[in-house]
């Protein structure tokens, strides 16, 4: 019974960490902590990302991906896998 409870607790914690993954990925990609991810920073995450795809993801056209733009692009990459 004790092993079952431990297993359930570990799975629960893993699920919570997985649910927070997009936030962690954005913070990791934003290497200079500017609040936005530049093309170079995004290419460190997605090595095949080209400038045209970055510009398409940058819907505000400010040269940086904010959290929402980053998450939206990341979702397209997850769907492609």
PDB file of N, CA and C in Angstrom:
ATOM      1  N   UNK A   1       0.824  -1.197   0.000  1.00  0.00           N
ATOM      2  CA  UNK A   1       0.000   0.000   0.000  1.00  0.00           C
ATOM      3  C   UNK A   1       0.871   1.266   0.000  1.00  0.00           C
ATOM      4  N   UNK A   2       1.938   1.218   0.785  1.00  0.00           N
ATOM      5  CA  UNK A   2       2.835   2.372   0.862  1.00  0.00           C
ATOM      6  C   UNK A   2       3.473   2.653  -0.501  1.00  0.00           C
ATOM      7  N   UNK A   3       3.855   1.586  -1.225  1.00  0.00           N
ATOM      8  CA  UNK A   3       4.456   1.756  -2.558  1.00  0.00           C
ATOM      9  C   UNK A   3       3.454   2.367  -3.526  1.00  0.00           C
ATOM     10  N   UNK A   4       2.207   1.967  -3.412  1.00  0.00           N
ATOM     11  CA  UNK A   4       1.169   2.507  -4.285  1.00  0.00           C
ATOM     12  C   UNK A   4       0.996   4.003  -4.047  1.00  0.00           C
ATOM     13  N   UNK A   5       0.960   4.414  -2.795  1.00  0.00           N
ATOM     14  CA  UNK A   5       0.811   5.834  -2.475  1.00  0.00           C
ATOM     15  C   UNK A   5       2.000   6.645  -2.977  1.00  0.00           C
ATOM     16  N   UNK A   6       3.186   6.095  -2.837  1.00  0.00           N
ATOM     17  CA  UNK A   6       4.385   6.787  -3.315  1.00  0.00           C
ATOM     18  C   UNK A   6       4.345   6.921  -4.829  1.00  0.00           C
ATOM     19  N   UNK A   7       3.940   5.859  -5.508  1.00  0.00           N
ATOM     20  CA  UNK A   7       3.846   5.880  -6.967  1.00  0.00           C
ATOM     21  C   UNK A   7       2.842   6.921  -7.425  1.00  0.00           C
ATOM     22  N   UNK A   8       1.684   6.964  -6.781  1.00  0.00           N
ATOM     23  CA  UNK A   8       0.657   7.944  -7.138  1.00  0.00           C
ATOM     24  C   UNK A   8       1.170   9.360  -6.902  1.00  0.00           C
ATOM     25  N   UNK A   9       1.875   9.577  -5.799  1.00  0.00           N
ATOM     26  CA  UNK A   9       2.424  10.905  -5.500  1.00  0.00           C
ATOM     27  C   UNK A   9       3.445  11.321  -6.546  1.00  0.00           C
ATOM     28  N   UNK A  10       4.309  10.424  -6.957  1.00  0.00           N
ATOM     29  CA  UNK A  10       5.328  10.728  -7.965  1.00  0.00           C
ATOM     30  C   UNK A  10       4.678  11.051  -9.299  1.00  0.00           C
ATOM     31  N   UNK A  11       3.684  10.287  -9.687  1.00  0.00           N
ATOM     32  CA  UNK A  11       2.981  10.546 -10.947  1.00  0.00           C
ATOM     33  C   UNK A  11       2.296  11.907 -10.881  1.00  0.00           C
ATOM     34  N   UNK A  12       1.689  12.217  -9.757  1.00  0.00           N
ATOM     35  CA  UNK A  12       1.031  13.513  -9.597  1.00  0.00           C
ATOM     36  C   UNK A  12       2.007  14.661  -9.717  1.00  0.00           C
ATOM     37  N   UNK A  13       3.174  14.527  -9.101  1.00  0.00           N
ATOM     38  CA  UNK A  13       4.186  15.585  -9.189  1.00  0.00           C
ATOM     39  C   UNK A  13       4.725  15.697 -10.604  1.00  0.00           C
ATOM     40  N   UNK A  14       4.900  14.582 -11.288  1.00  0.00           N
ATOM     41  CA  UNK A  14       5.392  14.608 -12.664  1.00  0.00           C
ATOM     42  C   UNK A  14       4.393  15.303 -13.576  1.00  0.00           C
ATOM     43  N   UNK A  15       3.117  15.046 -13.360  1.00  0.00           N
ATOM     44  CA  UNK A  15       2.081  15.677 -14.173  1.00  0.00           C
ATOM     45  C   UNK A  15       2.076  17.183 -13.962  1.00  0.00           C
ATOM     46  N   UNK A  16       2.243  17.615 -12.723  1.00  0.00           N
ATOM     47  CA  UNK A  16       2.268  19.046 -12.441  1.00  0.00           C
ATOM     48  C   UNK A  16       3.469  19.698 -13.106  1.00  0.00           C
ATOM     49  N   UNK A  17       4.612  19.055 -13.055  1.00  0.00           N
ATOM     50  CA  UNK A  17       5.811  19.605 -13.688  1.00  0.00           C
ATOM     51  C   UNK A  17       5.631  19.665 -15.200  1.00  0.00           C
ATOM     52  N   UNK A  18       5.018  18.640 -15.786  1.00  0.00           N
ATOM     53  CA  UNK A  18       4.789  18.618 -17.220  1.00  0.00           C
ATOM     54  C   UNK A  18       3.853  19.748 -17.630  1.00  0.00           C
ATOM     55  N   UNK A  19       2.838  20.020 -16.822  1.00  0.00           N
ATOM     56  CA  UNK A  19       1.885  21.077 -17.140  1.00  0.00           C
ATOM     57  C   UNK A  19       2.560  22.447 -17.139  1.00  0.00           C
ATOM     58  N   UNK A  20       3.624  22.612 -16.376  1.00  0.00           N
ATOM     59  CA  UNK A  20       4.327  23.881 -16.310  1.00  0.00           C
ATOM     60  C   UNK A  20       5.451  23.981 -17.341  1.00  0.00           C
ATOM     61  N   UNK A  21       5.669  22.962 -18.130  1.00  0.00           N
ATOM     62  CA  UNK A  21       6.790  22.918 -19.059  1.00  0.00           C
ATOM     63  C   UNK A  21       6.874  24.114 -20.004  1.00  0.00           C
ATOM     64  N   UNK A  22       5.755  24.608 -20.608  1.00  0.00           N
ATOM     65  CA  UNK A  22       5.893  25.755 -21.502  1.00  0.00           C
ATOM     66  C   UNK A  22       6.508  26.978 -20.819  1.00  0.00           C
ATOM     67  N   UNK A  23       6.131  27.246 -19.548  1.00  0.00           N
ATOM     68  CA  UNK A  23       6.703  28.374 -18.828  1.00  0.00           C
ATOM     69  C   UNK A  23       8.193  28.191 -18.623  1.00  0.00           C
ATOM     70  N   UNK A  24       8.585  26.992 -18.259  1.00  0.00           N
ATOM     71  CA  UNK A  24      10.000  26.708 -18.036  1.00  0.00           C
ATOM     72  C   UNK A  24      10.765  26.842 -19.349  1.00  0.00           C
ATOM     73  N   UNK A  25      10.206  26.345 -20.427  1.00  0.00           N
ATOM     74  CA  UNK A  25      10.876  26.424 -21.721  1.00  0.00           C
ATOM     75  C   UNK A  25      11.069  27.878 -22.142  1.00  0.00           C
ATOM     76  N   UNK A  26      10.053  28.724 -21.910  1.00  0.00           N
ATOM     77  CA  UNK A  26      10.180  30.134 -22.275  1.00  0.00           C
ATOM     78  C   UNK A  26      11.284  30.786 -21.451  1.00  0.00           C
ATOM     79  N   UNK A  27      11.283  30.541 -20.154  1.00  0.00           N
ATOM     80  CA  UNK A  27      12.302  31.133 -19.279  1.00  0.00           C
ATOM     81  C   UNK A  27      13.694  30.658 -19.664  1.00  0.00           C
ATOM     82  N   UNK A  28      13.798  29.416 -20.064  1.00  0.00           N
ATOM     83  CA  UNK A  28      15.089  28.874 -20.491  1.00  0.00           C
ATOM     84  C   UNK A  28      15.509  29.488 -21.824  1.00  0.00           C
ATOM     85  N   UNK A  29      14.571  29.613 -22.746  1.00  0.00           N
ATOM     86  CA  UNK A  29      14.888  30.176 -24.064  1.00  0.00           C
ATOM     87  C   UNK A  29      15.247  31.649 -23.969  1.00  0.00           C
ATOM     88  N   UNK A  30      14.626  32.362 -23.039  1.00  0.00           N
ATOM     89  CA  UNK A  30      14.907  33.788 -22.852  1.00  0.00           C
ATOM     90  C   UNK A  30      16.198  33.918 -22.037  1.00  0.00           C
ATOM     91  N   UNK A  31      17.300  33.596 -22.688  1.00  0.00           N
ATOM     92  CA  UNK A  31      18.600  33.488 -22.014  1.00  0.00           C
ATOM     93  C   UNK A  31      19.043  34.782 -21.341  1.00  0.00           C
ATOM     94  N   UNK A  32      18.665  35.930 -21.913  1.00  0.00           N
ATOM     95  CA  UNK A  32      19.088  37.202 -21.322  1.00  0.00           C
ATOM     96  C   UNK A  32      18.041  37.792 -20.378  1.00  0.00           C
ATOM     97  N   UNK A  33      16.983  37.040 -20.130  1.00  0.00           N
ATOM     98  CA  UNK A  33      15.896  37.455 -19.220  1.00  0.00           C
ATOM     99  C   UNK A  33      15.290  38.804 -19.584  1.00  0.00           C
ATOM    100  N   UNK A  34      15.163  39.047 -20.880  1.00  0.00           N
ATOM    101  CA  UNK A  34      14.613  40.319 -21.353  1.00  0.00           C
ATOM    102  C   UNK A  34      13.089  40.329 -21.369  1.00  0.00           C
ATOM    103  N   UNK A  35      12.484  39.163 -21.224  1.00  0.00           N
ATOM    104  CA  UNK A  35      11.032  39.073 -21.312  1.00  0.00           C
ATOM    105  C   UNK A  35      10.555  38.714 -22.704  1.00  0.00           C
ATOM    106  N   UNK A  36      11.496  38.521 -23.618  1.00  0.00           N
ATOM    107  CA  UNK A  36      11.187  38.126 -24.988  1.00  0.00           C
ATOM    108  C   UNK A  36      12.286  37.239 -25.529  1.00  0.00           C
ATOM    109  N   UNK A  37      11.931  36.406 -26.491  1.00  0.00           N
ATOM    110  CA  UNK A  37      12.889  35.473 -27.083  1.00  0.00           C
ATOM    111  C   UNK A  37      13.260  35.970 -28.474  1.00  0.00           C
ATOM    112  N   UNK A  38      14.535  36.247 -28.664  1.00  0.00           N
ATOM    113  CA  UNK A  38      15.034  36.716 -29.965  1.00  0.00           C
ATOM    114  C   UNK A  38      15.151  35.542 -30.930  1.00  0.00           C
ATOM    115  N   UNK A  39      15.410  35.866 -32.189  1.00  0.00           N
ATOM    116  CA  UNK A  39      15.625  34.819 -33.187  1.00  0.00           C
ATOM    117  C   UNK A  39      16.763  33.907 -32.757  1.00  0.00           C
ATOM    118  N   UNK A  40      17.875  34.464 -32.331  1.00  0.00           N
ATOM    119  CA  UNK A  40      19.026  33.649 -31.916  1.00  0.00           C
ATOM    120  C   UNK A  40      18.673  32.752 -30.730  1.00  0.00           C
ATOM    121  N   UNK A  41      17.941  33.304 -29.766  1.00  0.00           N
ATOM    122  CA  UNK A  41      17.543  32.495 -28.610  1.00  0.00           C
ATOM    123  C   UNK A  41      16.588  31.379 -29.031  1.00  0.00           C
ATOM    124  N   UNK A  42      15.655  31.691 -29.931  1.00  0.00           N
ATOM    125  CA  UNK A  42      14.706  30.681 -30.404  1.00  0.00           C
ATOM    126  C   UNK A  42      15.423  29.586 -31.191  1.00  0.00           C
ATOM    127  N   UNK A  43      16.444  29.970 -31.952  1.00  0.00           N
ATOM    128  CA  UNK A  43      17.199  28.976 -32.718  1.00  0.00           C
ATOM    129  C   UNK A  43      18.008  28.053 -31.807  1.00  0.00           C
ATOM    130  N   UNK A  44      18.303  28.501 -30.599  1.00  0.00           N
ATOM    131  CA  UNK A  44      18.969  27.618 -29.638  1.00  0.00           C
ATOM    132  C   UNK A  44      18.014  26.514 -29.179  1.00  0.00           C
ATOM    133  N   UNK A  45      16.710  26.797 -29.236  1.00  0.00           N
ATOM    134  CA  UNK A  45      15.695  25.805 -28.873  1.00  0.00           C
ATOM    135  C   UNK A  45      15.324  24.959 -30.078  1.00  0.00           C
ATOM    136  N   UNK A  46      15.074  25.618 -31.200  1.00  0.00           N
ATOM    137  CA  UNK A  46      14.685  24.937 -32.445  1.00  0.00           C
ATOM    138  C   UNK A  46      15.737  25.250 -33.503  1.00  0.00           C
ATOM    139  N   UNK A  47      16.690  24.370 -33.669  1.00  0.00           N
ATOM    140  CA  UNK A  47      17.827  24.618 -34.561  1.00  0.00           C
ATOM    141  C   UNK A  47      17.415  24.790 -36.028  1.00  0.00           C
ATOM    142  N   UNK A  48      16.268  24.251 -36.410  1.00  0.00           N
ATOM    143  CA  UNK A  48      15.821  24.366 -37.800  1.00  0.00           C
ATOM    144  C   UNK A  48      14.921  25.590 -38.037  1.00  0.00           C
ATOM    145  N   UNK A  49      14.732  26.431 -37.026  1.00  0.00           N
ATOM    146  CA  UNK A  49      13.900  27.626 -37.157  1.00  0.00           C
ATOM    147  C   UNK A  49      14.596  28.643 -38.056  1.00  0.00           C
ATOM    148  N   UNK A  50      13.908  29.056 -39.113  1.00  0.00           N
ATOM    149  CA  UNK A  50      14.494  30.082 -39.981  1.00  0.00           C
ATOM    150  C   UNK A  50      13.828  31.433 -39.706  1.00  0.00           C
ATOM    151  N   UNK A  51      14.389  32.476 -40.298  1.00  0.00           N
ATOM    152  CA  UNK A  51      13.910  33.829 -40.034  1.00  0.00           C
ATOM    153  C   UNK A  51      12.458  34.025 -40.456  1.00  0.00           C
ATOM    154  N   UNK A  52      12.062  33.408 -41.558  1.00  0.00           N
ATOM    155  CA  UNK A  52      10.682  33.561 -42.033  1.00  0.00           C
ATOM    156  C   UNK A  52       9.686  32.959 -41.046  1.00  0.00           C
ATOM    157  N   UNK A  53       9.997  31.791 -40.514  1.00  0.00           N
ATOM    158  CA  UNK A  53       9.110  31.155 -39.538  1.00  0.00           C
ATOM    159  C   UNK A  53       9.067  31.967 -38.242  1.00  0.00           C
ATOM    160  N   UNK A  54      10.232  32.514 -37.839  1.00  0.00           N
ATOM    161  CA  UNK A  54      10.276  33.352 -36.643  1.00  0.00           C
ATOM    162  C   UNK A  54       9.399  34.582 -36.829  1.00  0.00           C
ATOM    163  N   UNK A  55       9.510  35.239 -37.987  1.00  0.00           N
ATOM    164  CA  UNK A  55       8.712  36.439 -38.247  1.00  0.00           C
ATOM    165  C   UNK A  55       7.225  36.110 -38.267  1.00  0.00           C
ATOM    166  N   UNK A  56       6.862  34.942 -38.771  1.00  0.00           N
ATOM    167  CA  UNK A  56       5.461  34.523 -38.774  1.00  0.00           C
ATOM    168  C   UNK A  56       4.962  34.292 -37.345  1.00  0.00           C
ATOM    169  N   UNK A  57       5.817  33.749 -36.492  1.00  0.00           N
ATOM    170  CA  UNK A  57       5.441  33.505 -35.094  1.00  0.00           C
ATOM    171  C   UNK A  57       5.371  34.807 -34.298  1.00  0.00           C
ATOM    172  N   UNK A  58       6.157  35.797 -34.701  1.00  0.00           N
ATOM    173  CA  UNK A  58       6.223  37.093 -34.010  1.00  0.00           C
ATOM    174  C   UNK A  58       5.061  37.969 -34.488  1.00  0.00           C
ATOM    175  N   UNK A  59       3.876  37.659 -34.004  1.00  0.00           N
ATOM    176  CA  UNK A  59       2.674  38.342 -34.498  1.00  0.00           C
ATOM    177  C   UNK A  59       2.652  39.829 -34.168  1.00  0.00           C
ATOM    178  N   UNK A  60       3.363  40.247 -33.141  1.00  0.00           N
ATOM    179  CA  UNK A  60       3.424  41.677 -32.806  1.00  0.00           C
ATOM    180  C   UNK A  60       4.484  42.405 -33.627  1.00  0.00           C
ATOM    181  N   UNK A  61       5.290  41.629 -34.345  1.00  0.00           N
ATOM    182  CA  UNK A  61       6.341  42.170 -35.214  1.00  0.00           C
ATOM    183  C   UNK A  61       7.305  43.107 -34.483  1.00  0.00           C
ATOM    184  N   UNK A  62       7.651  42.752 -33.227  1.00  0.00           N
ATOM    185  CA  UNK A  62       8.601  43.566 -32.471  1.00  0.00           C
ATOM    186  C   UNK A  62       9.994  42.944 -32.408  1.00  0.00           C
ATOM    187  N   UNK A  63      10.179  41.839 -33.128  1.00  0.00           N
ATOM    188  CA  UNK A  63      11.490  41.201 -33.174  1.00  0.00           C
ATOM    189  C   UNK A  63      11.757  40.234 -32.036  1.00  0.00           C
ATOM    190  N   UNK A  64      10.764  40.053 -31.167  1.00  0.00           N
ATOM    191  CA  UNK A  64      10.886  39.128 -30.046  1.00  0.00           C
ATOM    192  C   UNK A  64       9.606  38.321 -29.921  1.00  0.00           C
ATOM    193  N   UNK A  65       9.732  37.083 -29.466  1.00  0.00           N
ATOM    194  CA  UNK A  65       8.546  36.293 -29.153  1.00  0.00           C
ATOM    195  C   UNK A  65       8.224  36.504 -27.684  1.00  0.00           C
ATOM    196  N   UNK A  66       7.010  36.976 -27.406  1.00  0.00           N
ATOM    197  CA  UNK A  66       6.594  37.062 -26.013  1.00  0.00           C
ATOM    198  C   UNK A  66       6.103  35.677 -25.585  1.00  0.00           C
ATOM    199  N   UNK A  67       5.667  35.558 -24.346  1.00  0.00           N
ATOM    200  CA  UNK A  67       5.248  34.251 -23.826  1.00  0.00           C
ATOM    201  C   UNK A  67       4.173  33.607 -24.699  1.00  0.00           C
ATOM    202  N   UNK A  68       3.148  34.366 -25.069  1.00  0.00           N
ATOM    203  CA  UNK A  68       2.043  33.811 -25.859  1.00  0.00           C
ATOM    204  C   UNK A  68       2.515  33.378 -27.247  1.00  0.00           C
ATOM    205  N   UNK A  69       3.326  34.199 -27.894  1.00  0.00           N
ATOM    206  CA  UNK A  69       3.840  33.857 -29.222  1.00  0.00           C
ATOM    207  C   UNK A  69       4.737  32.624 -29.146  1.00  0.00           C
ATOM    208  N   UNK A  70       5.584  32.579 -28.119  1.00  0.00           N
ATOM    209  CA  UNK A  70       6.477  31.434 -27.918  1.00  0.00           C
ATOM    210  C   UNK A  70       5.664  30.158 -27.716  1.00  0.00           C
ATOM    211  N   UNK A  71       4.664  30.227 -26.835  1.00  0.00           N
ATOM    212  CA  UNK A  71       3.829  29.053 -26.558  1.00  0.00           C
ATOM    213  C   UNK A  71       3.068  28.597 -27.802  1.00  0.00           C
ATOM    214  N   UNK A  72       2.573  29.560 -28.579  1.00  0.00           N
ATOM    215  CA  UNK A  72       1.847  29.215 -29.804  1.00  0.00           C
ATOM    216  C   UNK A  72       2.772  28.516 -30.794  1.00  0.00           C
ATOM    217  N   UNK A  73       3.990  29.033 -30.958  1.00  0.00           N
ATOM    218  CA  UNK A  73       4.934  28.384 -31.862  1.00  0.00           C
ATOM    219  C   UNK A  73       5.331  27.014 -31.329  1.00  0.00           C
ATOM    220  N   UNK A  74       5.573  26.919 -30.029  1.00  0.00           N
ATOM    221  CA  UNK A  74       5.956  25.635 -29.421  1.00  0.00           C
ATOM    222  C   UNK A  74       4.871  24.592 -29.655  1.00  0.00           C
ATOM    223  N   UNK A  75       3.614  24.994 -29.593  1.00  0.00           N
ATOM    224  CA  UNK A  75       2.500  24.061 -29.827  1.00  0.00           C
ATOM    225  C   UNK A  75       2.520  23.531 -31.251  1.00  0.00           C
ATOM    226  N   UNK A  76       2.923  24.363 -32.213  1.00  0.00           N
ATOM    227  CA  UNK A  76       2.987  23.892 -33.597  1.00  0.00           C
ATOM    228  C   UNK A  76       4.110  22.870 -33.744  1.00  0.00           C
ATOM    229  N   UNK A  77       5.159  23.020 -32.972  1.00  0.00           N
ATOM    230  CA  UNK A  77       6.276  22.082 -33.035  1.00  0.00           C
ATOM    231  C   UNK A  77       5.915  20.759 -32.380  1.00  0.00           C
ATOM    232  N   UNK A  78       5.131  20.803 -31.311  1.00  0.00           N
ATOM    233  CA  UNK A  78       4.679  19.574 -30.656  1.00  0.00           C
ATOM    234  C   UNK A  78       3.756  18.800 -31.569  1.00  0.00           C
ATOM    235  N   UNK A  79       2.877  19.525 -32.320  1.00  0.00           N
ATOM    236  CA  UNK A  79       1.967  18.876 -33.252  1.00  0.00           C
ATOM    237  C   UNK A  79       2.712  18.225 -34.398  1.00  0.00           C
ATOM    238  N   UNK A  80       3.870  18.797 -34.773  1.00  0.00           N
ATOM    239  CA  UNK A  80       4.651  18.278 -35.893  1.00  0.00           C
ATOM    240  C   UNK A  80       5.389  16.992 -35.532  1.00  0.00           C
ATOM    241  N   UNK A  81       5.579  16.750 -34.246  1.00  0.00           N
ATOM    242  CA  UNK A  81       6.334  15.556 -33.823  1.00  0.00           C
ATOM    243  C   UNK A  81       5.530  14.305 -33.924  1.00  0.00           C
TER     244      UNK A  81
END
